[in-house]
Amino acid sequence: MLTPRDVLTPAAFSMLQVIAETGSFAAAARALNMVPSALTYRVRQIEEALDVLLFDRSSRKARPTEAAEELLREGSCFLADIDAIANRVKRVATGWEPEFTIAVDCIIDRPTITELCELFFQLNPPTRLRLRTETLTGTLEAVTSGEADLALGVVVETSATTGVQREVLGTLQHVFAMSPRHPLTHAAEPLSDADLRKHRAVSIADSARLAEGIAMGLQAGQDVLTVTDMSMMLSAQIKGVGAGFLPTCIAQPYIDLGQLVTRQVARPIPGIQVTYVWRSSERGRQGRALQWWLNRLESPVTRAALLAQTAPGGEGIDVARAVP
């Protein structure tokens, strides 16, 4: 006995659509250049495989049943998907990756990433774009493990990492920030390690799953609230739950609003070089999606925007115009 997979073919969906549109088996047979008995036989095969009645034959017209109407709706989507797949396959053959995954560190400016994605999609590429949020070592690990094609915002050392290529995105500065109501706002500056150890720190968790994660700016024996994303870290510090080091580019808007204040510490975090990393391609070949992103990242304006910093020369950030 035939199964639904045997009978629900593109040709079958097309045939059922013609029957519904013409309203008669005879008219549909003429339109499809088929013998009426052969068309009727094929419809009965589908009905038997699905165990449903597709057309009401009680009158001279072939009226689709509710089951047929649902099947026709799904069939229309199915045929559209087939056309889309065929077009994607043709375009992938021109060098586009079927899917392109970017690991985006929590320090990267989200509106800028969104704008870059919008520009990418304006090319109408066949590539499906996938973004994944990572932190610290996890951002690099996403590429080295093969789970991502490109990583933006890598803050760990990559010079000894094999199989990847890297370029500098910029330099990341940190400030020690807290709520204006936090007790440390009244302590003498610079704050010593002993001062910091008395109060809870807020730290963001490393997203690494294979390698050992790292933490920044913590004191041995200090109480720590660990969060999983930058928005939670900001919220905790604004509410006074704890204090800690924040990237200057992320903290500055809240400092300007008076929601956060900064204090000098005896041992600040020095400027950190931030890079973007991608896997070395086999035989030196790069897919067109990777080429597009790497070309965009050559622009100093784009690099500055990704770190929410002022572009070189002080010009405004306009990623759309930052074409290398």
C-alpha atoms as a PDB file:
ATOM      1  CA  MET A   1       0.000   0.000   0.000  1.00  0.00           C
ATOM      2  CA  LEU A   2       1.236   3.458  -0.852  1.00  0.00           C
ATOM      3  CA  THR A   3       2.220   5.786   1.995  1.00  0.00           C
ATOM      4  CA  PRO A   4       1.753   9.574   2.209  1.00  0.00           C
ATOM      5  CA  ARG A   5       5.427  10.008   1.292  1.00  0.00           C
ATOM      6  CA  ASP A   6       4.849   7.993  -1.870  1.00  0.00           C
ATOM      7  CA  VAL A   7       1.926  10.077  -3.107  1.00  0.00           C
ATOM      8  CA  LEU A   8       2.590  13.621  -1.820  1.00  0.00           C
ATOM      9  CA  THR A   9       4.908  14.680  -4.611  1.00  0.00           C
ATOM     10  CA  PRO A  10       5.296  18.085  -6.304  1.00  0.00           C
ATOM     11  CA  ALA A  11       3.454  16.698  -9.337  1.00  0.00           C
ATOM     12  CA  ALA A  12       0.587  15.513  -7.144  1.00  0.00           C
ATOM     13  CA  PHE A  13       0.222  18.899  -5.459  1.00  0.00           C
ATOM     14  CA  SER A  14       0.211  20.618  -8.841  1.00  0.00           C
ATOM     15  CA  MET A  15      -2.458  18.215 -10.113  1.00  0.00           C
ATOM     16  CA  LEU A  16      -4.691  18.812  -7.081  1.00  0.00           C
ATOM     17  CA  GLN A  17      -4.365  22.574  -7.532  1.00  0.00           C
ATOM     18  CA  VAL A  18      -5.497  22.315 -11.150  1.00  0.00           C
ATOM     19  CA  ILE A  19      -8.533  20.223 -10.135  1.00  0.00           C
ATOM     20  CA  ALA A  20      -9.501  22.772  -7.477  1.00  0.00           C
ATOM     21  CA  GLU A  21      -9.042  25.683  -9.887  1.00  0.00           C
ATOM     22  CA  THR A  22     -10.992  24.137 -12.800  1.00  0.00           C
ATOM     23  CA  GLY A  23     -13.694  22.613 -10.577  1.00  0.00           C
ATOM     24  CA  SER A  24     -13.889  19.403 -12.571  1.00  0.00           C
ATOM     25  CA  PHE A  25     -11.857  16.259 -13.138  1.00  0.00           C
ATOM     26  CA  ALA A  26     -12.548  16.371 -16.868  1.00  0.00           C
ATOM     27  CA  ALA A  27     -11.414  19.987 -17.232  1.00  0.00           C
ATOM     28  CA  ALA A  28      -8.322  19.298 -15.118  1.00  0.00           C
ATOM     29  CA  ALA A  29      -7.485  16.245 -17.267  1.00  0.00           C
ATOM     30  CA  ARG A  30      -7.681  18.382 -20.425  1.00  0.00           C
ATOM     31  CA  ALA A  31      -5.491  21.087 -18.845  1.00  0.00           C
ATOM     32  CA  LEU A  32      -2.917  18.506 -17.762  1.00  0.00           C
ATOM     33  CA  ASN A  33      -3.141  16.561 -21.036  1.00  0.00           C
ATOM     34  CA  MET A  34      -4.131  13.409 -19.166  1.00  0.00           C
ATOM     35  CA  VAL A  35      -6.743  10.724 -19.658  1.00  0.00           C
ATOM     36  CA  PRO A  36      -9.585  11.421 -17.156  1.00  0.00           C
ATOM     37  CA  SER A  37      -9.463   7.889 -15.786  1.00  0.00           C
ATOM     38  CA  ALA A  38      -5.719   8.224 -15.089  1.00  0.00           C
ATOM     39  CA  LEU A  39      -6.282  11.486 -13.206  1.00  0.00           C
ATOM     40  CA  THR A  40      -9.126   9.958 -11.180  1.00  0.00           C
ATOM     41  CA  TYR A  41      -6.944   6.943 -10.347  1.00  0.00           C
ATOM     42  CA  ARG A  42      -4.113   9.173  -9.058  1.00  0.00           C
ATOM     43  CA  VAL A  43      -6.492  11.167  -6.857  1.00  0.00           C
ATOM     44  CA  ARG A  44      -7.862   7.927  -5.373  1.00  0.00           C
ATOM     45  CA  GLN A  45      -4.306   6.775  -4.633  1.00  0.00           C
ATOM     46  CA  ILE A  46      -3.708   9.974  -2.656  1.00  0.00           C
ATOM     47  CA  GLU A  47      -7.017   9.642  -0.808  1.00  0.00           C
ATOM     48  CA  GLU A  48      -6.295   6.029   0.131  1.00  0.00           C
ATOM     49  CA  ALA A  49      -2.772   6.828   1.326  1.00  0.00           C
ATOM     50  CA  LEU A  50      -4.059   9.700   3.487  1.00  0.00           C
ATOM     51  CA  ASP A  51      -7.321   7.927   4.392  1.00  0.00           C
ATOM     52  CA  VAL A  52      -9.346  11.067   3.625  1.00  0.00           C
ATOM     53  CA  LEU A  53     -11.796  12.258   0.976  1.00  0.00           C
ATOM     54  CA  LEU A  54     -10.317  15.154  -0.999  1.00  0.00           C
ATOM     55  CA  PHE A  55     -13.142  16.035  -3.418  1.00  0.00           C
ATOM     56  CA  ASP A  56     -16.914  15.935  -3.066  1.00  0.00           C
ATOM     57  CA  ARG A  57     -18.128  14.178  -6.184  1.00  0.00           C
ATOM     58  CA  SER A  58     -21.837  14.273  -5.374  1.00  0.00           C
ATOM     59  CA  SER A  59     -22.445  16.990  -8.001  1.00  0.00           C
ATOM     60  CA  ARG A  60     -21.048  17.671 -11.434  1.00  0.00           C
ATOM     61  CA  LYS A  61     -18.349  19.872  -9.903  1.00  0.00           C
ATOM     62  CA  ALA A  62     -15.360  18.576  -7.946  1.00  0.00           C
ATOM     63  CA  ARG A  63     -15.546  20.514  -4.708  1.00  0.00           C
ATOM     64  CA  PRO A  64     -12.496  20.328  -2.395  1.00  0.00           C
ATOM     65  CA  THR A  65     -13.293  19.085   1.086  1.00  0.00           C
ATOM     66  CA  GLU A  66     -11.896  20.824   4.178  1.00  0.00           C
ATOM     67  CA  ALA A  67      -9.128  18.238   4.221  1.00  0.00           C
ATOM     68  CA  ALA A  68      -8.284  19.063   0.602  1.00  0.00           C
ATOM     69  CA  GLU A  69      -8.256  22.784   1.274  1.00  0.00           C
ATOM     70  CA  GLU A  70      -5.756  22.246   4.089  1.00  0.00           C
ATOM     71  CA  LEU A  71      -3.677  19.970   1.887  1.00  0.00           C
ATOM     72  CA  LEU A  72      -3.709  22.568  -0.895  1.00  0.00           C
ATOM     73  CA  ARG A  73      -2.561  25.300   1.514  1.00  0.00           C
ATOM     74  CA  GLU A  74       0.320  23.152   2.733  1.00  0.00           C
ATOM     75  CA  GLY A  75       1.048  22.035  -0.810  1.00  0.00           C
ATOM     76  CA  SER A  76       1.340  25.627  -1.977  1.00  0.00           C
ATOM     77  CA  CYS A  77       3.938  26.267   0.733  1.00  0.00           C
ATOM     78  CA  PHE A  78       5.702  23.033  -0.179  1.00  0.00           C
ATOM     79  CA  LEU A  79       5.977  23.998  -3.851  1.00  0.00           C
ATOM     80  CA  ALA A  80       7.218  27.475  -2.918  1.00  0.00           C
ATOM     81  CA  ASP A  81       9.861  25.881  -0.694  1.00  0.00           C
ATOM     82  CA  ILE A  82      11.005  23.660  -3.544  1.00  0.00           C
ATOM     83  CA  ASP A  83      11.393  26.684  -5.814  1.00  0.00           C
ATOM     84  CA  ALA A  84      13.310  28.513  -3.078  1.00  0.00           C
ATOM     85  CA  ILE A  85      15.600  25.533  -2.512  1.00  0.00           C
ATOM     86  CA  ALA A  86      16.320  25.280  -6.216  1.00  0.00           C
ATOM     87  CA  ASN A  87      17.185  28.972  -6.397  1.00  0.00           C
ATOM     88  CA  ARG A  88      19.393  28.709  -3.297  1.00  0.00           C
ATOM     89  CA  VAL A  89      21.262  25.715  -4.696  1.00  0.00           C
ATOM     90  CA  LYS A  90      21.952  27.572  -7.940  1.00  0.00           C
ATOM     91  CA  ARG A  91      23.238  30.600  -6.066  1.00  0.00           C
ATOM     92  CA  VAL A  92      25.302  28.583  -3.577  1.00  0.00           C
ATOM     93  CA  ALA A  93      27.063  27.100  -6.595  1.00  0.00           C
ATOM     94  CA  THR A  94      28.365  30.619  -7.282  1.00  0.00           C
ATOM     95  CA  GLY A  95      30.419  30.573  -4.049  1.00  0.00           C
ATOM     96  CA  TRP A  96      27.989  31.599  -1.324  1.00  0.00           C
ATOM     97  CA  GLU A  97      28.016  29.599   1.914  1.00  0.00           C
ATOM     98  CA  PRO A  98      24.680  27.864   2.672  1.00  0.00           C
ATOM     99  CA  GLU A  99      24.974  29.103   6.277  1.00  0.00           C
ATOM    100  CA  PHE A 100      27.314  31.588   7.956  1.00  0.00           C
ATOM    101  CA  THR A 101      27.630  31.762  11.745  1.00  0.00           C
ATOM    102  CA  ILE A 102      29.064  34.728  13.629  1.00  0.00           C
ATOM    103  CA  ALA A 103      30.051  34.542  17.289  1.00  0.00           C
ATOM    104  CA  VAL A 104      29.348  37.996  18.752  1.00  0.00           C
ATOM    105  CA  ASP A 105      31.018  38.825  22.051  1.00  0.00           C
ATOM    106  CA  CYS A 106      28.990  40.665  24.680  1.00  0.00           C
ATOM    107  CA  ILE A 107      31.172  43.781  24.249  1.00  0.00           C
ATOM    108  CA  ILE A 108      30.093  44.237  20.611  1.00  0.00           C
ATOM    109  CA  ASP A 109      27.542  46.968  19.887  1.00  0.00           C
ATOM    110  CA  ARG A 110      24.227  45.311  19.004  1.00  0.00           C
ATOM    111  CA  PRO A 111      22.722  48.093  16.842  1.00  0.00           C
ATOM    112  CA  THR A 112      25.859  48.068  14.679  1.00  0.00           C
ATOM    113  CA  ILE A 113      25.656  44.300  14.194  1.00  0.00           C
ATOM    114  CA  THR A 114      21.986  44.642  13.254  1.00  0.00           C
ATOM    115  CA  GLU A 115      22.817  47.350  10.721  1.00  0.00           C
ATOM    116  CA  LEU A 116      25.546  45.199   9.180  1.00  0.00           C
ATOM    117  CA  CYS A 117      23.133  42.278   8.912  1.00  0.00           C
ATOM    118  CA  GLU A 118      20.629  44.552   7.174  1.00  0.00           C
ATOM    119  CA  LEU A 119      23.279  45.609   4.659  1.00  0.00           C
ATOM    120  CA  PHE A 120      24.248  41.980   4.094  1.00  0.00           C
ATOM    121  CA  PHE A 121      20.661  40.959   3.393  1.00  0.00           C
ATOM    122  CA  GLN A 122      20.315  43.765   0.851  1.00  0.00           C
ATOM    123  CA  LEU A 123      22.517  41.602  -1.393  1.00  0.00           C
ATOM    124  CA  ASN A 124      19.725  38.996  -1.285  1.00  0.00           C
ATOM    125  CA  PRO A 125      22.273  36.242  -0.667  1.00  0.00           C
ATOM    126  CA  PRO A 126      21.335  32.545  -0.452  1.00  0.00           C
ATOM    127  CA  THR A 127      23.324  32.372   2.792  1.00  0.00           C
ATOM    128  CA  ARG A 128      21.427  31.888   6.027  1.00  0.00           C
ATOM    129  CA  LEU A 129      22.984  34.109   8.696  1.00  0.00           C
ATOM    130  CA  ARG A 130      23.209  32.908  12.291  1.00  0.00           C
ATOM    131  CA  LEU A 131      24.373  35.042  15.241  1.00  0.00           C
ATOM    132  CA  ARG A 132      25.348  33.578  18.588  1.00  0.00           C
ATOM    133  CA  THR A 133      26.245  35.497  21.740  1.00  0.00           C
ATOM    134  CA  GLU A 134      29.493  34.504  23.439  1.00  0.00           C
ATOM    135  CA  THR A 135      31.751  35.881  26.161  1.00  0.00           C
ATOM    136  CA  LEU A 136      35.534  35.969  26.740  1.00  0.00           C
ATOM    137  CA  THR A 137      37.186  32.620  25.877  1.00  0.00           C
ATOM    138  CA  GLY A 138      33.909  31.281  24.500  1.00  0.00           C
ATOM    139  CA  THR A 139      34.004  33.797  21.641  1.00  0.00           C
ATOM    140  CA  LEU A 140      37.271  32.391  20.316  1.00  0.00           C
ATOM    141  CA  GLU A 141      36.254  28.812  21.096  1.00  0.00           C
ATOM    142  CA  ALA A 142      33.194  29.136  18.854  1.00  0.00           C
ATOM    143  CA  VAL A 143      35.530  29.485  15.861  1.00  0.00           C
ATOM    144  CA  THR A 144      38.235  27.015  16.903  1.00  0.00           C
ATOM    145  CA  SER A 145      35.588  24.359  17.601  1.00  0.00           C
ATOM    146  CA  GLY A 146      34.053  24.878  14.162  1.00  0.00           C
ATOM    147  CA  GLU A 147      30.740  26.144  15.530  1.00  0.00           C
ATOM    148  CA  ALA A 148      31.207  29.619  14.030  1.00  0.00           C
ATOM    149  CA  ASP A 149      32.839  30.979  10.889  1.00  0.00           C
ATOM    150  CA  LEU A 150      33.702  34.411  12.273  1.00  0.00           C
ATOM    151  CA  ALA A 151      34.137  35.768  15.813  1.00  0.00           C
ATOM    152  CA  LEU A 152      33.800  39.448  16.675  1.00  0.00           C
ATOM    153  CA  GLY A 153      35.212  40.861  19.907  1.00  0.00           C
ATOM    154  CA  VAL A 154      37.860  38.300  20.890  1.00  0.00           C
ATOM    155  CA  VAL A 155      39.737  39.584  23.967  1.00  0.00           C
ATOM    156  CA  VAL A 156      41.924  36.526  24.675  1.00  0.00           C
ATOM    157  CA  GLU A 157      45.332  35.890  23.128  1.00  0.00           C
ATOM    158  CA  THR A 158      45.073  34.199  19.732  1.00  0.00           C
ATOM    159  CA  SER A 159      48.623  34.314  18.352  1.00  0.00           C
ATOM    160  CA  ALA A 160      49.298  30.685  19.320  1.00  0.00           C
ATOM    161  CA  THR A 161      45.945  29.426  18.030  1.00  0.00           C
ATOM    162  CA  THR A 162      46.310  27.293  14.917  1.00  0.00           C
ATOM    163  CA  GLY A 163      43.836  27.167  12.065  1.00  0.00           C
ATOM    164  CA  VAL A 164      42.559  30.723  12.498  1.00  0.00           C
ATOM    165  CA  GLN A 165      43.356  34.163  11.171  1.00  0.00           C
ATOM    166  CA  ARG A 166      42.982  37.393  13.126  1.00  0.00           C
ATOM    167  CA  GLU A 167      42.868  41.153  12.678  1.00  0.00           C
ATOM    168  CA  VAL A 168      42.705  43.925  15.240  1.00  0.00           C
ATOM    169  CA  LEU A 169      39.290  45.435  15.886  1.00  0.00           C
ATOM    170  CA  GLY A 170      40.414  48.033  18.424  1.00  0.00           C
ATOM    171  CA  THR A 171      41.446  48.590  22.023  1.00  0.00           C
ATOM    172  CA  LEU A 172      39.037  48.053  24.896  1.00  0.00           C
ATOM    173  CA  GLN A 173      39.278  50.231  28.008  1.00  0.00           C
ATOM    174  CA  HIS A 174      37.609  49.432  31.336  1.00  0.00           C
ATOM    175  CA  VAL A 175      36.315  51.557  34.203  1.00  0.00           C
ATOM    176  CA  PHE A 176      35.504  50.490  37.744  1.00  0.00           C
ATOM    177  CA  ALA A 177      31.841  51.437  38.119  1.00  0.00           C
ATOM    178  CA  MET A 178      29.048  51.242  40.671  1.00  0.00           C
ATOM    179  CA  SER A 179      25.769  52.789  41.736  1.00  0.00           C
ATOM    180  CA  PRO A 180      26.009  56.291  43.259  1.00  0.00           C
ATOM    181  CA  ARG A 181      24.547  54.685  46.408  1.00  0.00           C
ATOM    182  CA  HIS A 182      27.291  52.073  46.719  1.00  0.00           C
ATOM    183  CA  PRO A 183      29.478  52.303  49.876  1.00  0.00           C
ATOM    184  CA  LEU A 184      32.681  52.397  47.813  1.00  0.00           C
ATOM    185  CA  THR A 185      31.731  55.836  46.490  1.00  0.00           C
ATOM    186  CA  HIS A 186      32.820  57.226  49.884  1.00  0.00           C
ATOM    187  CA  ALA A 187      36.130  55.341  50.072  1.00  0.00           C
ATOM    188  CA  ALA A 188      39.431  57.105  49.443  1.00  0.00           C
ATOM    189  CA  GLU A 189      40.935  56.721  45.978  1.00  0.00           C
ATOM    190  CA  PRO A 190      42.618  54.806  44.577  1.00  0.00           C
ATOM    191  CA  LEU A 191      40.649  51.850  45.879  1.00  0.00           C
ATOM    192  CA  SER A 192      42.969  49.101  47.101  1.00  0.00           C
ATOM    193  CA  ASP A 193      42.554  45.353  46.621  1.00  0.00           C
ATOM    194  CA  ALA A 194      41.562  45.189  50.288  1.00  0.00           C
ATOM    195  CA  ASP A 195      38.825  47.800  49.705  1.00  0.00           C
ATOM    196  CA  LEU A 196      37.415  45.848  46.780  1.00  0.00           C
ATOM    197  CA  ARG A 197      37.553  42.527  48.614  1.00  0.00           C
ATOM    198  CA  LYS A 198      35.114  43.801  51.245  1.00  0.00           C
ATOM    199  CA  HIS A 199      32.353  44.277  48.694  1.00  0.00           C
ATOM    200  CA  ARG A 200      30.539  42.039  46.239  1.00  0.00           C
ATOM    201  CA  ALA A 201      31.782  42.079  42.661  1.00  0.00           C
ATOM    202  CA  VAL A 202      29.654  41.601  39.573  1.00  0.00           C
ATOM    203  CA  SER A 203      31.291  39.417  36.956  1.00  0.00           C
ATOM    204  CA  ILE A 204      30.200  38.079  33.602  1.00  0.00           C
ATOM    205  CA  ALA A 205      30.501  34.334  33.013  1.00  0.00           C
ATOM    206  CA  ASP A 206      32.848  33.001  30.361  1.00  0.00           C
ATOM    207  CA  SER A 207      30.806  31.086  27.757  1.00  0.00           C
ATOM    208  CA  ALA A 208      33.606  28.577  27.026  1.00  0.00           C
ATOM    209  CA  ARG A 209      32.436  24.975  27.118  1.00  0.00           C
ATOM    210  CA  LEU A 210      35.623  23.122  26.156  1.00  0.00           C
ATOM    211  CA  ALA A 211      38.414  25.326  27.499  1.00  0.00           C
ATOM    212  CA  GLU A 212      38.812  26.727  30.990  1.00  0.00           C
ATOM    213  CA  GLY A 213      37.059  30.076  31.291  1.00  0.00           C
ATOM    214  CA  ILE A 214      38.537  33.266  32.671  1.00  0.00           C
ATOM    215  CA  ALA A 215      37.309  36.091  34.909  1.00  0.00           C
ATOM    216  CA  MET A 216      38.537  39.680  34.933  1.00  0.00           C
ATOM    217  CA  GLY A 217      39.171  42.066  37.815  1.00  0.00           C
ATOM    218  CA  LEU A 218      38.220  39.767  40.715  1.00  0.00           C
ATOM    219  CA  GLN A 219      39.941  39.497  44.088  1.00  0.00           C
ATOM    220  CA  ALA A 220      40.731  36.223  45.829  1.00  0.00           C
ATOM    221  CA  GLY A 221      38.075  35.455  48.425  1.00  0.00           C
ATOM    222  CA  GLN A 222      35.719  38.166  47.162  1.00  0.00           C
ATOM    223  CA  ASP A 223      31.961  37.598  47.086  1.00  0.00           C
ATOM    224  CA  VAL A 224      30.910  37.470  43.423  1.00  0.00           C
ATOM    225  CA  LEU A 225      27.600  37.700  41.598  1.00  0.00           C
ATOM    226  CA  THR A 226      28.117  35.975  38.249  1.00  0.00           C
ATOM    227  CA  VAL A 227      25.751  36.851  35.399  1.00  0.00           C
ATOM    228  CA  THR A 228      25.482  35.565  31.870  1.00  0.00           C
ATOM    229  CA  ASP A 229      25.116  38.720  29.788  1.00  0.00           C
ATOM    230  CA  MET A 230      26.153  42.356  29.777  1.00  0.00           C
ATOM    231  CA  SER A 231      22.643  43.740  30.303  1.00  0.00           C
ATOM    232  CA  MET A 232      22.325  41.783  33.561  1.00  0.00           C
ATOM    233  CA  MET A 233      25.747  43.020  34.643  1.00  0.00           C
ATOM    234  CA  LEU A 234      24.759  46.623  34.003  1.00  0.00           C
ATOM    235  CA  SER A 235      21.458  46.191  35.819  1.00  0.00           C
ATOM    236  CA  ALA A 236      23.134  44.661  38.866  1.00  0.00           C
ATOM    237  CA  GLN A 237      25.638  47.501  39.126  1.00  0.00           C
ATOM    238  CA  ILE A 238      23.062  50.227  38.524  1.00  0.00           C
ATOM    239  CA  LYS A 239      20.881  48.702  41.288  1.00  0.00           C
ATOM    240  CA  GLY A 240      23.848  48.627  43.665  1.00  0.00           C
ATOM    241  CA  VAL A 241      23.918  44.832  43.988  1.00  0.00           C
ATOM    242  CA  GLY A 242      27.657  44.935  43.372  1.00  0.00           C
ATOM    243  CA  ALA A 243      30.486  46.816  41.704  1.00  0.00           C
ATOM    244  CA  GLY A 244      32.990  45.869  39.060  1.00  0.00           C
ATOM    245  CA  PHE A 245      34.870  46.605  35.894  1.00  0.00           C
ATOM    246  CA  LEU A 246      32.859  47.479  32.798  1.00  0.00           C
ATOM    247  CA  PRO A 247      33.992  48.252  29.261  1.00  0.00           C
ATOM    248  CA  THR A 248      34.097  52.042  29.022  1.00  0.00           C
ATOM    249  CA  CYS A 249      32.154  52.038  25.753  1.00  0.00           C
ATOM    250  CA  ILE A 250      29.273  50.182  27.435  1.00  0.00           C
ATOM    251  CA  ALA A 251      29.322  52.030  30.757  1.00  0.00           C
ATOM    252  CA  GLN A 252      29.701  55.590  29.444  1.00  0.00           C
ATOM    253  CA  PRO A 253      26.023  56.279  28.566  1.00  0.00           C
ATOM    254  CA  TYR A 254      24.989  55.278  32.103  1.00  0.00           C
ATOM    255  CA  ILE A 255      27.801  57.337  33.601  1.00  0.00           C
ATOM    256  CA  ASP A 256      26.594  60.352  31.612  1.00  0.00           C
ATOM    257  CA  LEU A 257      23.067  59.815  32.997  1.00  0.00           C
ATOM    258  CA  GLY A 258      24.361  59.589  36.558  1.00  0.00           C
ATOM    259  CA  GLN A 259      23.186  55.984  36.953  1.00  0.00           C
ATOM    260  CA  LEU A 260      26.764  54.817  37.400  1.00  0.00           C
ATOM    261  CA  VAL A 261      29.819  56.483  38.924  1.00  0.00           C
ATOM    262  CA  THR A 262      33.441  55.498  38.495  1.00  0.00           C
ATOM    263  CA  ARG A 263      36.314  55.279  40.959  1.00  0.00           C
ATOM    264  CA  GLN A 264      40.043  54.968  40.478  1.00  0.00           C
ATOM    265  CA  VAL A 265      41.533  51.673  41.615  1.00  0.00           C
ATOM    266  CA  ALA A 266      45.078  50.771  42.561  1.00  0.00           C
ATOM    267  CA  ARG A 267      45.216  48.010  39.955  1.00  0.00           C
ATOM    268  CA  PRO A 268      43.124  48.973  36.915  1.00  0.00           C
ATOM    269  CA  ILE A 269      42.608  46.674  33.953  1.00  0.00           C
ATOM    270  CA  PRO A 270      44.998  47.838  31.222  1.00  0.00           C
ATOM    271  CA  GLY A 271      43.786  48.447  27.675  1.00  0.00           C
ATOM    272  CA  ILE A 272      42.945  45.146  25.963  1.00  0.00           C
ATOM    273  CA  GLN A 273      43.460  44.512  22.284  1.00  0.00           C
ATOM    274  CA  VAL A 274      40.243  43.264  20.701  1.00  0.00           C
ATOM    275  CA  THR A 275      40.368  41.189  17.527  1.00  0.00           C
ATOM    276  CA  TYR A 276      38.098  39.468  15.062  1.00  0.00           C
ATOM    277  CA  VAL A 277      38.960  35.910  14.114  1.00  0.00           C
ATOM    278  CA  TRP A 278      37.955  33.532  11.357  1.00  0.00           C
ATOM    279  CA  ARG A 279      38.860  30.027  10.322  1.00  0.00           C
ATOM    280  CA  SER A 280      41.589  29.559   7.734  1.00  0.00           C
ATOM    281  CA  SER A 281      39.922  28.354   4.557  1.00  0.00           C
ATOM    282  CA  GLU A 282      40.961  25.192   2.759  1.00  0.00           C
ATOM    283  CA  ARG A 283      43.181  25.853  -0.277  1.00  0.00           C
ATOM    284  CA  GLY A 284      42.973  29.553   0.488  1.00  0.00           C
ATOM    285  CA  ARG A 285      39.385  29.809  -0.731  1.00  0.00           C
ATOM    286  CA  GLN A 286      36.909  32.020   1.078  1.00  0.00           C
ATOM    287  CA  GLY A 287      33.160  31.929   0.705  1.00  0.00           C
ATOM    288  CA  ARG A 288      31.470  35.081  -0.516  1.00  0.00           C
ATOM    289  CA  ALA A 289      29.700  35.702   2.800  1.00  0.00           C
ATOM    290  CA  LEU A 290      33.022  35.633   4.677  1.00  0.00           C
ATOM    291  CA  GLN A 291      34.572  37.879   2.027  1.00  0.00           C
ATOM    292  CA  TRP A 292      31.761  40.400   2.481  1.00  0.00           C
ATOM    293  CA  TRP A 293      32.150  40.559   6.263  1.00  0.00           C
ATOM    294  CA  LEU A 294      35.935  40.784   6.101  1.00  0.00           C
ATOM    295  CA  ASN A 295      35.708  43.602   3.550  1.00  0.00           C
ATOM    296  CA  ARG A 296      33.346  45.496   5.849  1.00  0.00           C
ATOM    297  CA  LEU A 297      35.638  44.968   8.804  1.00  0.00           C
ATOM    298  CA  GLU A 298      38.527  46.607   6.965  1.00  0.00           C
ATOM    299  CA  SER A 299      36.829  49.970   7.532  1.00  0.00           C
ATOM    300  CA  PRO A 300      38.043  51.887  10.634  1.00  0.00           C
ATOM    301  CA  VAL A 301      34.534  53.341  10.904  1.00  0.00           C
ATOM    302  CA  THR A 302      32.951  49.892  11.094  1.00  0.00           C
ATOM    303  CA  ARG A 303      35.511  48.711  13.628  1.00  0.00           C
ATOM    304  CA  ALA A 304      34.924  51.734  15.843  1.00  0.00           C
ATOM    305  CA  ALA A 305      31.152  51.323  15.586  1.00  0.00           C
ATOM    306  CA  LEU A 306      31.327  47.674  16.656  1.00  0.00           C
ATOM    307  CA  LEU A 307      33.051  48.799  19.854  1.00  0.00           C
ATOM    308  CA  ALA A 308      30.649  51.749  20.238  1.00  0.00           C
ATOM    309  CA  GLN A 309      33.580  54.146  19.972  1.00  0.00           C
ATOM    310  CA  THR A 310      34.207  57.374  18.078  1.00  0.00           C
ATOM    311  CA  ALA A 311      35.660  56.666  14.675  1.00  0.00           C
ATOM    312  CA  PRO A 312      39.211  57.812  13.849  1.00  0.00           C
ATOM    313  CA  GLY A 313      39.239  61.526  13.134  1.00  0.00           C
ATOM    314  CA  GLY A 314      36.130  62.048  15.266  1.00  0.00           C
ATOM    315  CA  GLU A 315      33.660  61.528  12.429  1.00  0.00           C
ATOM    316  CA  GLY A 316      30.211  60.154  13.177  1.00  0.00           C
ATOM    317  CA  ILE A 317      29.532  56.468  12.884  1.00  0.00           C
ATOM    318  CA  ASP A 318      27.755  55.565   9.655  1.00  0.00           C
ATOM    319  CA  VAL A 319      28.293  51.893   8.916  1.00  0.00           C
ATOM    320  CA  ALA A 320      26.241  52.020   5.736  1.00  0.00           C
ATOM    321  CA  ARG A 321      28.753  54.429   4.210  1.00  0.00           C
ATOM    322  CA  ALA A 322      31.814  52.651   5.566  1.00  0.00           C
ATOM    323  CA  VAL A 323      32.574  50.702   2.414  1.00  0.00           C
ATOM    324  CA  PRO A 324      36.252  49.816   2.011  1.00  0.00           C
END
